[in-house]
Every structure is written in C-alpha cells, then in structure tokens.
PDB file of all heavy atoms in Angstrom:
ATOM      1  N   TYR A   1     -14.202   4.066   8.445  1.00  0.00           N
ATOM      2  CA  TYR A   1     -13.749   5.086   7.493  1.00  0.00           C
ATOM      3  C   TYR A   1     -12.269   5.653   7.929  1.00  0.00           C
ATOM      4  O   TYR A   1     -11.631   5.972   6.930  1.00  0.00           O
ATOM      5  CB  TYR A   1     -14.773   6.236   7.349  1.00  0.00           C
ATOM      6  CG  TYR A   1     -14.513   7.057   6.120  1.00  0.00           C
ATOM      7  CD1 TYR A   1     -14.869   6.610   4.965  1.00  0.00           C
ATOM      8  CD2 TYR A   1     -13.982   8.357   6.387  1.00  0.00           C
ATOM      9  CE1 TYR A   1     -14.691   7.566   3.811  1.00  0.00           C
ATOM     10  CE2 TYR A   1     -13.855   9.172   5.322  1.00  0.00           C
ATOM     11  CZ  TYR A   1     -14.114   8.747   3.996  1.00  0.00           C
ATOM     12  OH  TYR A   1     -13.851   9.505   2.869  1.00  0.00           O
ATOM     13  N   GLN A   2     -12.071   5.599   9.080  1.00  0.00           N
ATOM     14  CA  GLN A   2     -10.738   6.103   9.609  1.00  0.00           C
ATOM     15  C   GLN A   2      -9.688   5.073   9.891  1.00  0.00           C
ATOM     16  O   GLN A   2      -8.699   5.425  10.541  1.00  0.00           O
ATOM     17  CB  GLN A   2     -10.979   7.024  10.902  1.00  0.00           C
ATOM     18  CG  GLN A   2     -12.073   8.043  10.814  1.00  0.00           C
ATOM     19  CD  GLN A   2     -11.662   9.344   9.785  1.00  0.00           C
ATOM     20  OE1 GLN A   2     -10.574   9.568   9.710  1.00  0.00           O
ATOM     21  NE2 GLN A   2     -12.655   9.827   9.191  1.00  0.00           N
ATOM     22  N   GLU A   3      -9.882   3.955   9.352  1.00  0.00           N
ATOM     23  CA  GLU A   3      -9.001   2.782   9.761  1.00  0.00           C
ATOM     24  C   GLU A   3      -7.625   3.151   9.429  1.00  0.00           C
ATOM     25  O   GLU A   3      -7.335   3.791   8.197  1.00  0.00           O
ATOM     26  CB  GLU A   3      -9.498   1.559   8.949  1.00  0.00           C
ATOM     27  CG  GLU A   3      -8.525   0.410   9.368  1.00  0.00           C
ATOM     28  CD  GLU A   3      -9.069  -0.930   8.690  1.00  0.00           C
ATOM     29  OE1 GLU A   3     -10.151  -0.853   8.208  1.00  0.00           O
ATOM     30  OE2 GLU A   3      -8.266  -1.836   8.706  1.00  0.00           O
ATOM     31  N   ARG A   4      -6.617   2.679  10.104  1.00  0.00           N
ATOM     32  CA  ARG A   4      -5.139   2.913   9.883  1.00  0.00           C
ATOM     33  C   ARG A   4      -4.604   1.413   9.705  1.00  0.00           C
ATOM     34  O   ARG A   4      -4.811   0.611  10.455  1.00  0.00           O
ATOM     35  CB  ARG A   4      -4.355   3.455  11.004  1.00  0.00           C
ATOM     36  CG  ARG A   4      -5.020   4.887  11.440  1.00  0.00           C
ATOM     37  CD  ARG A   4      -4.818   6.048  10.515  1.00  0.00           C
ATOM     38  NE  ARG A   4      -5.281   7.222  11.092  1.00  0.00           N
ATOM     39  CZ  ARG A   4      -5.170   8.434  10.490  1.00  0.00           C
ATOM     40  NH1 ARG A   4      -4.491   8.459   9.353  1.00  0.00           N
ATOM     41  NH2 ARG A   4      -5.582   9.504  11.207  1.00  0.00           N
ATOM     42  N   HIS A   5      -3.916   1.313   8.606  1.00  0.00           N
ATOM     43  CA  HIS A   5      -3.355  -0.190   8.416  1.00  0.00           C
ATOM     44  C   HIS A   5      -2.114  -0.342   9.291  1.00  0.00           C
ATOM     45  O   HIS A   5      -1.317   0.571   9.422  1.00  0.00           O
ATOM     46  CB  HIS A   5      -3.037  -0.239   6.871  1.00  0.00           C
ATOM     47  CG  HIS A   5      -2.831  -1.537   6.378  1.00  0.00           C
ATOM     48  ND1 HIS A   5      -1.699  -2.379   6.705  1.00  0.00           N
ATOM     49  CD2 HIS A   5      -3.524  -2.478   5.719  1.00  0.00           C
ATOM     50  CE1 HIS A   5      -1.684  -3.447   6.130  1.00  0.00           C
ATOM     51  NE2 HIS A   5      -2.922  -3.637   5.540  1.00  0.00           N
ATOM     52  N   PRO A   6      -1.904  -1.468   9.831  1.00  0.00           N
ATOM     53  CA  PRO A   6      -0.739  -1.740  10.722  1.00  0.00           C
ATOM     54  C   PRO A   6       0.522  -1.629   9.954  1.00  0.00           C
ATOM     55  O   PRO A   6       1.647  -1.305  10.534  1.00  0.00           O
ATOM     56  CB  PRO A   6      -0.997  -3.196  11.140  1.00  0.00           C
ATOM     57  CG  PRO A   6      -1.979  -3.826  10.241  1.00  0.00           C
ATOM     58  CD  PRO A   6      -2.828  -2.706   9.818  1.00  0.00           C
ATOM     59  N   LYS A   7       0.670  -1.710   8.629  1.00  0.00           N
ATOM     60  CA  LYS A   7       1.804  -1.605   7.849  1.00  0.00           C
ATOM     61  C   LYS A   7       1.903  -0.261   7.226  1.00  0.00           C
ATOM     62  O   LYS A   7       2.734  -0.112   6.170  1.00  0.00           O
ATOM     63  CB  LYS A   7       1.856  -2.734   6.813  1.00  0.00           C
ATOM     64  CG  LYS A   7       2.063  -4.079   7.436  1.00  0.00           C
ATOM     65  CD  LYS A   7       2.168  -5.231   6.315  1.00  0.00           C
ATOM     66  CE  LYS A   7       2.337  -6.615   6.902  1.00  0.00           C
ATOM     67  NZ  LYS A   7       2.540  -7.642   5.910  1.00  0.00           N
ATOM     68  N   ARG A   8       1.256   0.684   7.801  1.00  0.00           N
ATOM     69  CA  ARG A   8       1.341   2.039   7.185  1.00  0.00           C
ATOM     70  C   ARG A   8       2.828   2.731   7.250  1.00  0.00           C
ATOM     71  O   ARG A   8       3.515   2.312   8.159  1.00  0.00           O
ATOM     72  CB  ARG A   8       0.267   2.989   7.847  1.00  0.00           C
ATOM     73  CG  ARG A   8       0.586   3.252   9.196  1.00  0.00           C
ATOM     74  CD  ARG A   8      -0.567   4.135   9.850  1.00  0.00           C
ATOM     75  NE  ARG A   8      -0.270   4.447  11.294  1.00  0.00           N
ATOM     76  CZ  ARG A   8      -0.641   3.569  12.231  1.00  0.00           C
ATOM     77  NH1 ARG A   8      -1.324   2.403  11.955  1.00  0.00           N
ATOM     78  NH2 ARG A   8      -0.525   3.923  13.513  1.00  0.00           N
ATOM     79  N   VAL A   9       3.120   3.456   6.329  1.00  0.00           N
ATOM     80  CA  VAL A   9       4.416   4.049   6.212  1.00  0.00           C
ATOM     81  C   VAL A   9       4.543   5.241   7.212  1.00  0.00           C
ATOM     82  O   VAL A   9       5.597   5.437   7.942  1.00  0.00           O
ATOM     83  CB  VAL A   9       4.730   4.585   4.815  1.00  0.00           C
ATOM     84  CG1 VAL A   9       6.038   5.305   4.857  1.00  0.00           C
ATOM     85  CG2 VAL A   9       4.774   3.437   3.797  1.00  0.00           C
ATOM     86  N   ASN A  10       3.497   6.028   7.280  1.00  0.00           N
ATOM     87  CA  ASN A  10       3.549   7.097   8.336  1.00  0.00           C
ATOM     88  C   ASN A  10       2.304   7.170   9.059  1.00  0.00           C
ATOM     89  O   ASN A  10       1.220   6.567   8.705  1.00  0.00           O
ATOM     90  CB  ASN A  10       3.828   8.482   7.722  1.00  0.00           C
ATOM     91  CG  ASN A  10       2.707   8.795   6.525  1.00  0.00           C
ATOM     92  OD1 ASN A  10       1.701   8.966   6.898  1.00  0.00           O
ATOM     93  ND2 ASN A  10       3.154   8.780   5.332  1.00  0.00           N
ATOM     94  N   ALA A  11       2.220   7.885  10.284  1.00  0.00           N
ATOM     95  CA  ALA A  11       1.068   7.894  11.187  1.00  0.00           C
ATOM     96  C   ALA A  11      -0.131   8.448  10.626  1.00  0.00           C
ATOM     97  O   ALA A  11      -1.264   8.036  10.946  1.00  0.00           O
ATOM     98  CB  ALA A  11       1.463   8.551  12.477  1.00  0.00           C
ATOM     99  N   SER A  12      -0.019   9.342   9.692  1.00  0.00           N
ATOM    100  CA  SER A  12      -1.139   9.993   9.098  1.00  0.00           C
ATOM    101  C   SER A  12      -1.920   9.310   7.981  1.00  0.00           C
ATOM    102  O   SER A  12      -2.837   9.732   7.458  1.00  0.00           O
ATOM    103  CB  SER A  12      -0.841  11.493   8.715  1.00  0.00           C
ATOM    104  OG  SER A  12       0.048  11.384   7.667  1.00  0.00           O
ATOM    105  N   GLU A  13      -1.365   8.143   7.526  1.00  0.00           N
ATOM    106  CA  GLU A  13      -1.847   7.510   6.431  1.00  0.00           C
ATOM    107  C   GLU A  13      -3.041   6.599   6.734  1.00  0.00           C
ATOM    108  O   GLU A  13      -3.030   5.870   7.590  1.00  0.00           O
ATOM    109  CB  GLU A  13      -0.603   6.575   5.870  1.00  0.00           C
ATOM    110  CG  GLU A  13      -0.749   5.876   4.589  1.00  0.00           C
ATOM    111  CD  GLU A  13       0.383   5.101   4.139  1.00  0.00           C
ATOM    112  OE1 GLU A  13       1.467   5.862   3.646  1.00  0.00           O
ATOM    113  OE2 GLU A  13       0.446   3.863   4.281  1.00  0.00           O
ATOM    114  N   TYR A  14      -4.078   6.776   5.927  1.00  0.00           N
ATOM    115  CA  TYR A  14      -5.191   5.974   6.070  1.00  0.00           C
ATOM    116  C   TYR A  14      -5.084   4.560   5.321  1.00  0.00           C
ATOM    117  O   TYR A  14      -4.191   4.432   4.571  1.00  0.00           O
ATOM    118  CB  TYR A  14      -6.492   6.709   5.458  1.00  0.00           C
ATOM    119  CG  TYR A  14      -6.801   7.914   6.338  1.00  0.00           C
ATOM    120  CD1 TYR A  14      -6.719   9.225   5.966  1.00  0.00           C
ATOM    121  CD2 TYR A  14      -7.462   7.702   7.477  1.00  0.00           C
ATOM    122  CE1 TYR A  14      -7.149  10.291   6.673  1.00  0.00           C
ATOM    123  CE2 TYR A  14      -7.860   8.731   8.390  1.00  0.00           C
ATOM    124  CZ  TYR A  14      -7.698  10.039   7.926  1.00  0.00           C
ATOM    125  OH  TYR A  14      -8.055  11.077   8.659  1.00  0.00           O
ATOM    126  N   ALA A  15      -5.903   3.680   5.622  1.00  0.00           N
ATOM    127  CA  ALA A  15      -5.777   2.295   5.209  1.00  0.00           C
ATOM    128  C   ALA A  15      -5.763   2.279   3.630  1.00  0.00           C
ATOM    129  O   ALA A  15      -4.935   1.409   3.085  1.00  0.00           O
ATOM    130  CB  ALA A  15      -6.926   1.474   5.721  1.00  0.00           C
ATOM    131  N   GLU A  16      -6.644   2.969   2.944  1.00  0.00           N
ATOM    132  CA  GLU A  16      -6.735   3.098   1.544  1.00  0.00           C
ATOM    133  C   GLU A  16      -5.398   3.413   0.962  1.00  0.00           C
ATOM    134  O   GLU A  16      -4.892   2.882  -0.179  1.00  0.00           O
ATOM    135  CB  GLU A  16      -7.820   3.717   1.013  1.00  0.00           C
ATOM    136  CG  GLU A  16      -7.705   5.291   1.193  1.00  0.00           C
ATOM    137  CD  GLU A  16      -8.458   5.781   2.439  1.00  0.00           C
ATOM    138  OE1 GLU A  16      -8.576   4.925   3.394  1.00  0.00           O
ATOM    139  OE2 GLU A  16      -8.653   6.928   2.555  1.00  0.00           O
ATOM    140  N   GLU A  17      -4.659   4.283   1.494  1.00  0.00           N
ATOM    141  CA  GLU A  17      -3.386   4.782   1.040  1.00  0.00           C
ATOM    142  C   GLU A  17      -2.328   3.551   1.095  1.00  0.00           C
ATOM    143  O   GLU A  17      -1.591   3.313   0.183  1.00  0.00           O
ATOM    144  CB  GLU A  17      -2.825   5.955   1.772  1.00  0.00           C
ATOM    145  CG  GLU A  17      -3.701   7.203   1.532  1.00  0.00           C
ATOM    146  CD  GLU A  17      -3.228   8.328   2.476  1.00  0.00           C
ATOM    147  OE1 GLU A  17      -2.366   9.093   1.898  1.00  0.00           O
ATOM    148  OE2 GLU A  17      -3.640   8.437   3.518  1.00  0.00           O
ATOM    149  N   THR A  18      -2.275   2.967   2.369  1.00  0.00           N
ATOM    150  CA  THR A  18      -1.406   1.857   2.527  1.00  0.00           C
ATOM    151  C   THR A  18      -1.743   0.724   1.526  1.00  0.00           C
ATOM    152  O   THR A  18      -0.804   0.296   0.901  1.00  0.00           O
ATOM    153  CB  THR A  18      -1.569   1.418   3.991  1.00  0.00           C
ATOM    154  OG1 THR A  18      -1.358   2.351   4.800  1.00  0.00           O
ATOM    155  CG2 THR A  18      -0.573   0.337   4.244  1.00  0.00           C
ATOM    156  N   ILE A  19      -2.992   0.336   1.454  1.00  0.00           N
ATOM    157  CA  ILE A  19      -3.275  -0.717   0.506  1.00  0.00           C
ATOM    158  C   ILE A  19      -2.915  -0.424  -0.975  1.00  0.00           C
ATOM    159  O   ILE A  19      -2.465  -1.252  -1.619  1.00  0.00           O
ATOM    160  CB  ILE A  19      -4.761  -1.079   0.647  1.00  0.00           C
ATOM    161  CG1 ILE A  19      -5.103  -1.732   2.171  1.00  0.00           C
ATOM    162  CG2 ILE A  19      -5.316  -2.096  -0.394  1.00  0.00           C
ATOM    163  CD1 ILE A  19      -6.535  -1.886   2.460  1.00  0.00           C
ATOM    164  N   CYS A  20      -3.210   0.809  -1.255  1.00  0.00           N
ATOM    165  CA  CYS A  20      -2.969   1.275  -2.634  1.00  0.00           C
ATOM    166  C   CYS A  20      -1.381   1.112  -2.913  1.00  0.00           C
ATOM    167  O   CYS A  20      -0.977   0.525  -3.940  1.00  0.00           O
ATOM    168  CB  CYS A  20      -3.304   2.736  -2.910  1.00  0.00           C
ATOM    169  SG  CYS A  20      -2.976   3.346  -4.479  1.00  0.00           S
ATOM    170  N   ASN A  21      -0.546   1.522  -2.066  1.00  0.00           N
ATOM    171  CA  ASN A  21       0.913   1.478  -2.203  1.00  0.00           C
ATOM    172  C   ASN A  21       1.381  -0.075  -2.213  1.00  0.00           C
ATOM    173  O   ASN A  21       2.292  -0.414  -2.890  1.00  0.00           O
ATOM    174  CB  ASN A  21       1.687   2.210  -1.164  1.00  0.00           C
ATOM    175  CG  ASN A  21       1.450   3.582  -1.265  1.00  0.00           C
ATOM    176  OD1 ASN A  21       1.328   4.296  -2.305  1.00  0.00           O
ATOM    177  ND2 ASN A  21       1.403   4.348  -0.093  1.00  0.00           N
ATOM    178  N   GLN A  22       0.689  -0.881  -1.489  1.00  0.00           N
ATOM    179  CA  GLN A  22       0.997  -2.293  -1.407  1.00  0.00           C
ATOM    180  C   GLN A  22       0.721  -2.954  -2.843  1.00  0.00           C
ATOM    181  O   GLN A  22       1.510  -3.807  -3.261  1.00  0.00           O
ATOM    182  CB  GLN A  22       0.315  -2.998  -0.216  1.00  0.00           C
ATOM    183  CG  GLN A  22       0.733  -2.752   1.040  1.00  0.00           C
ATOM    184  CD  GLN A  22      -0.174  -3.430   2.079  1.00  0.00           C
ATOM    185  OE1 GLN A  22      -1.214  -3.768   1.876  1.00  0.00           O
ATOM    186  NE2 GLN A  22       0.462  -3.625   3.383  1.00  0.00           N
ATOM    187  N   HIS A  23      -0.421  -2.542  -3.356  1.00  0.00           N
ATOM    188  CA  HIS A  23      -0.756  -3.127  -4.771  1.00  0.00           C
ATOM    189  C   HIS A  23       0.199  -2.575  -5.780  1.00  0.00           C
ATOM    190  O   HIS A  23       0.471  -3.144  -6.714  1.00  0.00           O
ATOM    191  CB  HIS A  23      -2.216  -2.846  -5.091  1.00  0.00           C
ATOM    192  CG  HIS A  23      -3.179  -3.830  -4.379  1.00  0.00           C
ATOM    193  ND1 HIS A  23      -3.600  -3.581  -3.122  1.00  0.00           N
ATOM    194  CD2 HIS A  23      -3.685  -4.942  -4.840  1.00  0.00           C
ATOM    195  CE1 HIS A  23      -4.333  -4.511  -2.819  1.00  0.00           C
ATOM    196  NE2 HIS A  23      -4.438  -5.354  -3.757  1.00  0.00           N
ATOM    197  N   ILE A  24       0.653  -1.282  -5.611  1.00  0.00           N
ATOM    198  CA  ILE A  24       1.619  -0.675  -6.617  1.00  0.00           C
ATOM    199  C   ILE A  24       2.833  -1.612  -6.639  1.00  0.00           C
ATOM    200  O   ILE A  24       3.470  -1.904  -7.736  1.00  0.00           O
ATOM    201  CB  ILE A  24       1.899   0.809  -6.393  1.00  0.00           C
ATOM    202  CG1 ILE A  24       0.666   1.685  -6.624  1.00  0.00           C
ATOM    203  CG2 ILE A  24       3.067   1.240  -7.064  1.00  0.00           C
ATOM    204  CD1 ILE A  24       0.842   3.170  -6.337  1.00  0.00           C
ATOM    205  N   GLU A  25       3.300  -1.943  -5.485  1.00  0.00           N
ATOM    206  CA  GLU A  25       4.489  -2.741  -5.386  1.00  0.00           C
ATOM    207  C   GLU A  25       4.264  -4.178  -5.982  1.00  0.00           C
ATOM    208  O   GLU A  25       5.218  -4.641  -6.551  1.00  0.00           O
ATOM    209  CB  GLU A  25       4.992  -2.818  -3.937  1.00  0.00           C
ATOM    210  CG  GLU A  25       5.561  -1.483  -3.202  1.00  0.00           C
ATOM    211  CD  GLU A  25       6.627  -1.002  -4.243  1.00  0.00           C
ATOM    212  OE1 GLU A  25       7.654  -1.853  -4.599  1.00  0.00           O
ATOM    213  OE2 GLU A  25       6.606   0.176  -4.583  1.00  0.00           O
ATOM    214  N   LYS A  26       3.150  -4.654  -5.795  1.00  0.00           N
ATOM    215  CA  LYS A  26       2.895  -5.968  -6.285  1.00  0.00           C
ATOM    216  C   LYS A  26       2.769  -5.962  -7.850  1.00  0.00           C
ATOM    217  O   LYS A  26       3.334  -6.813  -8.551  1.00  0.00           O
ATOM    218  CB  LYS A  26       1.493  -6.493  -5.778  1.00  0.00           C
ATOM    219  CG  LYS A  26       1.423  -6.875  -4.351  1.00  0.00           C
ATOM    220  CD  LYS A  26       0.038  -7.340  -3.975  1.00  0.00           C
ATOM    221  CE  LYS A  26       0.030  -7.719  -2.444  1.00  0.00           C
ATOM    222  NZ  LYS A  26      -1.292  -8.152  -1.960  1.00  0.00           N
ATOM    223  N   ILE A  27       2.219  -4.889  -8.413  1.00  0.00           N
ATOM    224  CA  ILE A  27       2.051  -4.648  -9.832  1.00  0.00           C
ATOM    225  C   ILE A  27       3.429  -4.470 -10.289  1.00  0.00           C
ATOM    226  O   ILE A  27       3.884  -5.033 -11.369  1.00  0.00           O
ATOM    227  CB  ILE A  27       1.218  -3.549 -10.191  1.00  0.00           C
ATOM    228  CG1 ILE A  27      -0.199  -3.848  -9.825  1.00  0.00           C
ATOM    229  CG2 ILE A  27       1.298  -3.268 -11.645  1.00  0.00           C
ATOM    230  CD1 ILE A  27      -1.127  -2.797  -9.805  1.00  0.00           C
ATOM    231  N   LYS A  28       4.403  -3.763  -9.776  1.00  0.00           N
ATOM    232  CA  LYS A  28       5.690  -3.439 -10.213  1.00  0.00           C
ATOM    233  C   LYS A  28       6.480  -4.822 -10.271  1.00  0.00           C
ATOM    234  O   LYS A  28       7.121  -5.004 -11.245  1.00  0.00           O
ATOM    235  CB  LYS A  28       6.440  -2.535  -9.241  1.00  0.00           C
ATOM    236  CG  LYS A  28       6.124  -1.164  -9.517  1.00  0.00           C
ATOM    237  CD  LYS A  28       7.009  -0.210  -8.398  1.00  0.00           C
ATOM    238  CE  LYS A  28       6.626   1.263  -8.631  1.00  0.00           C
ATOM    239  NZ  LYS A  28       7.414   2.079  -7.776  1.00  0.00           N
ATOM    240  N   ARG A  29       6.285  -5.697  -9.225  1.00  0.00           N
ATOM    241  CA  ARG A  29       6.923  -6.821  -9.101  1.00  0.00           C
ATOM    242  C   ARG A  29       6.643  -7.775 -10.350  1.00  0.00           C
ATOM    243  O   ARG A  29       7.439  -8.449 -10.886  1.00  0.00           O
ATOM    244  CB  ARG A  29       6.643  -7.597  -7.913  1.00  0.00           C
ATOM    245  CG  ARG A  29       7.358  -8.983  -7.672  1.00  0.00           C
ATOM    246  CD  ARG A  29       6.953  -9.541  -6.242  1.00  0.00           C
ATOM    247  NE  ARG A  29       7.921 -10.648  -6.019  1.00  0.00           N
ATOM    248  CZ  ARG A  29       7.718 -11.778  -6.393  1.00  0.00           C
ATOM    249  NH1 ARG A  29       6.600 -12.091  -7.031  1.00  0.00           N
ATOM    250  NH2 ARG A  29       8.523 -12.939  -6.073  1.00  0.00           N
ATOM    251  N   LEU A  30       5.295  -7.937 -10.554  1.00  0.00           N
ATOM    252  CA  LEU A  30       4.764  -8.695 -11.762  1.00  0.00           C
ATOM    253  C   LEU A  30       5.463  -8.187 -13.050  1.00  0.00           C
ATOM    254  O   LEU A  30       5.846  -8.997 -13.951  1.00  0.00           O
ATOM    255  CB  LEU A  30       3.222  -8.609 -11.839  1.00  0.00           C
ATOM    256  CG  LEU A  30       2.455  -9.257 -10.720  1.00  0.00           C
ATOM    257  CD1 LEU A  30       0.999  -9.036 -10.930  1.00  0.00           C
ATOM    258  CD2 LEU A  30       2.782 -10.797 -10.719  1.00  0.00           C
ATOM    259  N   LEU A  31       5.383  -6.871 -13.241  1.00  0.00           N
ATOM    260  CA  LEU A  31       5.998  -6.205 -14.577  1.00  0.00           C
ATOM    261  C   LEU A  31       7.504  -6.511 -14.607  1.00  0.00           C
ATOM    262  O   LEU A  31       8.079  -6.771 -15.576  1.00  0.00           O
ATOM    263  CB  LEU A  31       5.684  -4.864 -14.564  1.00  0.00           C
ATOM    264  CG  LEU A  31       4.110  -4.458 -14.670  1.00  0.00           C
ATOM    265  CD1 LEU A  31       3.963  -2.941 -14.688  1.00  0.00           C
ATOM    266  CD2 LEU A  31       3.567  -5.090 -15.890  1.00  0.00           C
ATOM    267  N   LEU A  32       8.280  -6.546 -13.440  1.00  0.00           N
ATOM    268  CA  LEU A  32       9.610  -6.655 -13.445  1.00  0.00           C
ATOM    269  C   LEU A  32       9.933  -8.197 -13.868  1.00  0.00           C
ATOM    270  O   LEU A  32      10.824  -8.521 -14.612  1.00  0.00           O
ATOM    271  CB  LEU A  32      10.214  -6.371 -12.088  1.00  0.00           C
ATOM    272  CG  LEU A  32      10.376  -4.923 -11.766  1.00  0.00           C
ATOM    273  CD1 LEU A  32      10.756  -4.677 -10.382  1.00  0.00           C
ATOM    274  CD2 LEU A  32      11.437  -4.227 -12.729  1.00  0.00           C
ATOM    275  N   ILE A  33       9.056  -9.071 -13.237  1.00  0.00           N
ATOM    276  CA  ILE A  33       9.283 -10.519 -13.668  1.00  0.00           C
ATOM    277  C   ILE A  33       9.004 -10.706 -15.141  1.00  0.00           C
ATOM    278  O   ILE A  33       9.829 -11.472 -15.707  1.00  0.00           O
ATOM    279  CB  ILE A  33       8.213 -11.431 -12.831  1.00  0.00           C
ATOM    280  CG1 ILE A  33       8.706 -11.487 -11.398  1.00  0.00           C
ATOM    281  CG2 ILE A  33       8.039 -12.686 -13.331  1.00  0.00           C
ATOM    282  CD1 ILE A  33       7.656 -12.011 -10.489  1.00  0.00           C
ATOM    283  N   ARG A  34       8.124 -10.020 -15.698  1.00  0.00           N
ATOM    284  CA  ARG A  34       7.791 -10.186 -17.177  1.00  0.00           C
ATOM    285  C   ARG A  34       8.986  -9.670 -17.907  1.00  0.00           C
ATOM    286  O   ARG A  34       9.425 -10.182 -18.906  1.00  0.00           O
ATOM    287  CB  ARG A  34       6.600  -9.446 -17.617  1.00  0.00           C
ATOM    288  CG  ARG A  34       6.294  -9.626 -19.056  1.00  0.00           C
ATOM    289  CD  ARG A  34       4.912  -9.155 -19.374  1.00  0.00           C
ATOM    290  NE  ARG A  34       4.687  -7.714 -19.205  1.00  0.00           N
ATOM    291  CZ  ARG A  34       3.538  -7.058 -19.664  1.00  0.00           C
ATOM    292  NH1 ARG A  34       2.599  -7.823 -20.085  1.00  0.00           N
ATOM    293  NH2 ARG A  34       3.381  -5.836 -19.402  1.00  0.00           N
TER     294      ARG A  34
END
C-alpha cells in the first residue's frame, strides 16, 4: 500500500500518483498525435 515508484517525481509521491501522471502523459501524446 505504501509502494514508491522508481520514476516518482518527488520523494513523498506514492506509486498510484506516479502511475497516474505517466498515463496522463500517454493520453496527452495520443491526443496530440490525433
């Protein structure tokens, strides 16, 4: 439950926050391509 993602932006960021931000960037990329 307390997992930290290795690609987190800051030390206090939990894994779900990091993964969420990664998916936001993926979605932005898809929409920009369109």
